[in-house]
Each structure stands twice: as C-alpha cells, then as structure tokens.
Amino acid sequence: MTRKVIHVALNGITSRMGYRQHLVRSLLAIREQGGVRLEDGTTLYPTTHIPRRWDESSRPYEATADDALYAVLEFASGAFASVNSSWTVRVNRRELLELQVDGTDASAVAGLRDCAVQHRVSTPMPVWNPDLPDPIDYQALWSDVPDNMTFDNGFKVEWELFLKCAWQGRPFAWDLVEGAKGVQLASLARQSSAQGRRLDVLPLAV
C-alpha cells in the first residue's frame, strides 16, 4: 500500500464550526483512520497548516458573523422555503438542524441523523380552543424512517471526496463557483431585507 501525503492549508479555522467540524472531526479524524483509500490501493494522508488570518492590507483581524438568518425563498419549480437559522436560540426540537418538506400527500422532517414522515391519512384535524388543553399528541403521529446504513460524519465524508478529486485532478462538484453562489444568495438576502422587496437570483457570471 502506497501512502501519498496531501497538504491542506486552512484559513480561518476558528469557532465551533471551523475547529470542531472541519479540523477535529474531519481532517484529523481522516488522519486517525489512516487516510483516504483510493481505488488503486493508494492512501491519501492529509497534513494541515493553519495560517493566521490577514486582510488585503496585511493586517490581522477578528472574524465576525451574523448570529441569525431568516429568509423566504422561491425556487424555479414554484416551491417555497422558509429558512430560520440561528445560533442564539434555545433548542426545542429533536436535532440542531432540521429540514421540513411539506407536500400534498405527505410531509417529512429530516435531521442530520433522523427522519420522520407523516402521510395525509395520518394528519390530524385539530380544533383550536383556547379554553381547553390540546388533547392531540402531534409528535406521536409521525413515523420514523428506519436506518438502512451507517452514516459517517458529513463534513469528514465531503473532505474525503475533495481529497480524492484534488489528488486525481478531477473536478470537485462543490468548487469555488458553488461557494460564490452561496455568497451571492446571502448578499441578495441582506439587500432584500434592507429594501423590503423580493429580488431575483440571476445566473452568476464567472
């Protein structure tokens, strides 16, 4: 078995997301498992370098970020998404991250580990009465989707895909252009909030 060392430069590895998810639980975890195995038997072994953070004028700076985000998005298909993301709220749900998809026949709530579904025939028809306690146990009317495989840490899996593509010279599906689309969307969301109107997300020129 041949081991190939691949160097990874990490900028801005701070806070829970950068340090815990990308460094400790992804790259260092890949090192602990012995690297990333390729189809030809070669093993990629990442080494990390974490430089200081500098701006365009060569001055060090402290990172700042928004603590909460709220948005309503309309997709090309006509579907709508209500996004609520915040690091400053107390959690009252099964997981830190949950995605709920509502359709005519059923709904699904998926987290990082669990997924629950509710079919139309199981959907209750509650009657709101402010004078009486609600007798319906809404959570009990959802059915958990059984696991059919063991899932590894998502950040670590994506790092393994990136390391393989980087070593083999193949395009990576989530490259800088895809990241720029995320920055574009965030910028338009802030602009939409400031102007109080909807904004179209146009194709990004690169």
Protein backbone atom coordinates (compact mmCIF):
# COMPACT_ATOMS: atom_id res chain seq x y z
CA MET A 1 0.00 0.00 0.00
CA THR A 2 1.39 3.40 -1.06
CA ARG A 3 0.82 6.44 1.14
CA LYS A 4 0.70 9.87 -0.53
CA VAL A 5 0.82 13.00 1.62
CA ILE A 6 -1.51 15.80 0.52
CA HIS A 7 -1.11 19.25 2.12
CA VAL A 8 -4.21 21.24 3.10
CA ALA A 9 -4.00 24.95 4.03
CA LEU A 10 -6.84 26.02 6.34
CA ASN A 11 -7.72 29.70 6.63
CA GLY A 12 -9.95 30.91 9.43
CA ILE A 13 -10.27 27.65 11.37
CA THR A 14 -11.89 29.16 14.45
CA SER A 15 -15.11 28.68 16.45
CA ARG A 16 -17.14 25.50 16.75
CA MET A 17 -17.79 25.03 13.01
CA GLY A 18 -14.24 25.62 11.82
CA TYR A 19 -12.28 23.98 14.62
CA ARG A 20 -14.62 21.15 15.65
CA GLN A 21 -16.26 20.13 12.36
CA HIS A 22 -13.64 20.80 9.70
CA LEU A 23 -10.41 20.28 11.65
CA VAL A 24 -11.03 17.89 14.55
CA ARG A 25 -13.97 15.80 13.29
CA SER A 26 -12.97 15.77 9.62
CA LEU A 27 -9.29 16.18 8.70
CA LEU A 28 -7.81 14.93 11.98
CA ALA A 29 -10.35 12.07 12.01
CA ILE A 30 -9.24 11.12 8.49
CA ARG A 31 -5.64 11.03 9.73
CA GLU A 32 -6.61 8.85 12.70
CA GLN A 33 -8.36 6.33 10.44
CA GLY A 34 -5.21 6.05 8.33
CA GLY A 35 -6.13 8.31 5.42
CA VAL A 36 -8.44 8.08 2.41
CA ARG A 37 -8.23 4.86 0.39
CA LEU A 38 -8.30 5.22 -3.42
CA GLU A 39 -9.45 2.62 -5.91
CA ASP A 40 -5.85 1.71 -6.89
CA GLY A 41 -4.89 0.99 -3.28
CA THR A 42 -3.13 4.32 -2.70
CA THR A 43 -3.86 6.04 0.60
CA LEU A 44 -4.08 9.84 0.81
CA TYR A 45 -2.81 11.22 4.13
CA PRO A 46 -3.70 14.88 4.74
CA THR A 47 -1.44 17.25 6.64
CA THR A 48 -2.85 20.59 7.79
CA HIS A 49 -1.42 24.06 8.04
CA ILE A 50 -3.40 26.81 9.79
CA PRO A 51 -2.07 30.28 9.00
CA ARG A 52 -3.13 33.47 10.71
CA ARG A 53 -5.96 35.49 9.20
CA TRP A 54 -4.92 38.63 7.31
CA ASP A 55 -6.82 41.15 5.22
CA GLU A 56 -5.82 42.66 1.86
CA SER A 57 -3.63 45.23 3.64
CA SER A 58 -1.69 42.55 5.56
CA ARG A 59 -3.37 43.41 8.85
CA PRO A 60 -4.67 40.72 11.26
CA TYR A 61 -8.37 40.88 12.03
CA GLU A 62 -11.01 39.24 14.21
CA ALA A 63 -13.78 37.30 12.47
CA THR A 64 -17.37 38.43 12.91
CA ALA A 65 -20.56 36.79 11.70
CA ASP A 66 -24.31 37.20 11.87
CA ASP A 67 -25.92 35.16 14.66
CA ALA A 68 -29.28 34.63 12.96
CA LEU A 69 -30.80 34.44 9.50
CA TYR A 70 -34.42 34.40 8.34
CA ALA A 71 -35.45 34.17 4.70
CA VAL A 72 -38.27 33.12 2.38
CA LEU A 73 -37.02 31.62 -0.90
CA GLU A 74 -38.95 30.75 -4.06
CA PHE A 75 -37.44 28.09 -6.31
CA ALA A 76 -37.74 27.82 -10.08
CA SER A 77 -40.20 24.94 -9.57
CA GLY A 78 -42.57 27.26 -7.71
CA ALA A 79 -41.89 25.70 -4.30
CA PHE A 80 -41.25 27.98 -1.33
CA ALA A 81 -38.78 27.54 1.52
CA SER A 82 -38.86 29.31 4.88
CA VAL A 83 -35.33 29.38 6.33
CA ASN A 84 -34.68 30.04 10.01
CA SER A 85 -31.08 29.67 11.14
CA SER A 86 -29.77 30.95 14.45
CA TRP A 87 -27.00 30.15 16.92
CA THR A 88 -28.66 32.27 19.63
CA VAL A 89 -31.88 30.32 20.35
CA ARG A 90 -32.60 27.52 22.80
CA VAL A 91 -33.34 24.25 21.02
CA ASN A 92 -36.82 22.72 21.30
CA ARG A 93 -36.71 20.05 18.60
CA ARG A 94 -35.11 16.66 18.02
CA GLU A 95 -31.93 17.91 16.32
CA LEU A 96 -29.94 21.10 15.84
CA LEU A 97 -30.58 21.03 12.07
CA GLU A 98 -33.97 20.04 10.68
CA LEU A 99 -35.41 20.31 7.17
CA GLN A 100 -39.19 20.02 6.79
CA VAL A 101 -40.69 19.30 3.37
CA ASP A 102 -44.46 19.61 3.06
CA GLY A 103 -46.38 18.16 0.13
CA THR A 104 -49.96 17.37 -0.75
CA ASP A 105 -49.74 13.67 0.12
CA ALA A 106 -47.21 13.72 2.96
CA SER A 107 -44.57 15.65 4.90
CA ALA A 108 -41.08 14.76 6.07
CA VAL A 109 -38.78 16.20 8.73
CA ALA A 110 -35.14 15.24 8.22
CA GLY A 111 -32.23 16.00 10.53
CA LEU A 112 -28.60 15.01 10.50
CA ARG A 113 -29.42 11.59 11.97
CA ASP A 114 -33.18 11.04 11.98
CA CYS A 115 -36.06 11.38 9.53
CA ALA A 116 -39.78 11.26 10.32
CA VAL A 117 -42.72 11.23 7.90
CA GLN A 118 -46.45 11.80 8.14
CA HIS A 119 -48.88 10.72 5.42
CA ARG A 120 -52.00 12.67 4.58
CA VAL A 121 -54.24 9.97 6.06
CA SER A 122 -52.42 10.32 9.40
CA THR A 123 -52.60 14.11 9.51
CA PRO A 124 -54.86 15.29 12.37
CA MET A 125 -57.58 17.92 12.00
CA PRO A 126 -57.22 19.85 15.26
CA VAL A 127 -59.82 22.28 16.57
CA TRP A 128 -58.29 25.24 18.33
CA ASN A 129 -59.90 26.00 21.66
CA PRO A 130 -58.01 28.46 23.85
CA ASP A 131 -60.06 27.42 26.90
CA LEU A 132 -59.03 23.74 26.89
CA PRO A 133 -55.71 21.86 26.66
CA ASP A 134 -54.99 20.37 23.26
CA PRO A 135 -55.59 16.59 23.53
CA ILE A 136 -53.56 15.69 20.41
CA ASP A 137 -50.03 14.31 20.77
CA TYR A 138 -48.69 15.65 17.45
CA GLN A 139 -45.25 14.04 17.72
CA ALA A 140 -46.77 10.59 18.18
CA LEU A 141 -48.48 10.85 14.78
CA TRP A 142 -45.15 10.90 12.92
CA SER A 143 -43.35 7.71 11.85
CA ASP A 144 -39.55 7.38 11.98
CA VAL A 145 -37.84 6.20 8.80
CA PRO A 146 -35.69 3.16 9.68
CA ASP A 147 -31.94 3.30 9.10
CA ASN A 148 -30.61 1.09 6.29
CA MET A 149 -26.93 2.00 6.65
CA THR A 150 -24.44 3.66 9.00
CA PHE A 151 -23.60 7.26 8.10
CA ASP A 152 -20.19 8.80 8.82
CA ASN A 153 -19.64 12.45 9.75
CA GLY A 154 -20.87 14.53 6.80
CA PHE A 155 -18.02 17.04 6.95
CA LYS A 156 -15.48 14.22 7.00
CA VAL A 157 -17.11 12.46 4.03
CA GLU A 158 -17.00 15.64 1.96
CA TRP A 159 -13.35 16.20 2.85
CA GLU A 160 -12.59 12.66 1.67
CA LEU A 161 -14.32 13.38 -1.66
CA PHE A 162 -12.35 16.63 -2.02
CA LEU A 163 -9.01 15.00 -1.25
CA LYS A 164 -9.67 12.30 -3.85
CA CYS A 165 -10.58 14.84 -6.53
CA ALA A 166 -7.61 17.07 -5.67
CA TRP A 167 -5.15 14.18 -5.91
CA GLN A 168 -6.63 12.67 -9.08
CA GLY A 169 -7.10 16.03 -10.85
CA ARG A 170 -10.87 15.59 -11.21
CA PRO A 171 -13.38 18.45 -10.91
CA PHE A 172 -14.93 18.82 -7.46
CA ALA A 173 -18.71 19.25 -7.56
CA TRP A 174 -18.76 21.88 -4.79
CA ASP A 175 -15.97 24.18 -6.02
CA LEU A 176 -15.34 27.90 -5.54
CA VAL A 177 -18.08 28.77 -8.06
CA GLU A 178 -20.64 26.90 -5.95
CA GLY A 179 -19.34 28.71 -2.89
CA ALA A 180 -19.65 32.04 -4.74
CA LYS A 181 -23.31 31.21 -5.41
CA GLY A 182 -23.83 30.92 -1.68
CA VAL A 183 -22.19 34.31 -1.12
CA GLN A 184 -24.38 35.75 -3.89
CA LEU A 185 -27.53 34.40 -2.24
CA ALA A 186 -26.53 35.74 1.18
CA SER A 187 -25.76 39.16 -0.30
CA LEU A 188 -29.11 39.29 -2.10
CA ALA A 189 -30.89 38.24 1.10
CA ARG A 190 -29.37 41.14 3.02
CA GLN A 191 -30.20 43.51 0.16
CA SER A 192 -33.78 42.20 0.05
CA SER A 193 -34.17 42.79 3.78
CA ALA A 194 -32.77 46.32 3.56
CA GLN A 195 -35.00 47.26 0.60
CA GLY A 196 -38.10 45.40 1.73
CA ARG A 197 -38.73 43.68 -1.60
CA ARG A 198 -38.16 40.45 -3.48
CA LEU A 199 -35.00 40.04 -5.54
CA ASP A 200 -34.30 37.57 -8.33
CA VAL A 201 -31.21 35.35 -8.12
CA LEU A 202 -29.66 35.70 -11.57
CA PRO A 203 -27.09 33.29 -13.06
CA LEU A 204 -23.65 34.06 -11.65
CA ALA A 205 -21.20 35.30 -14.27
CA VAL A 206 -17.72 33.80 -13.80
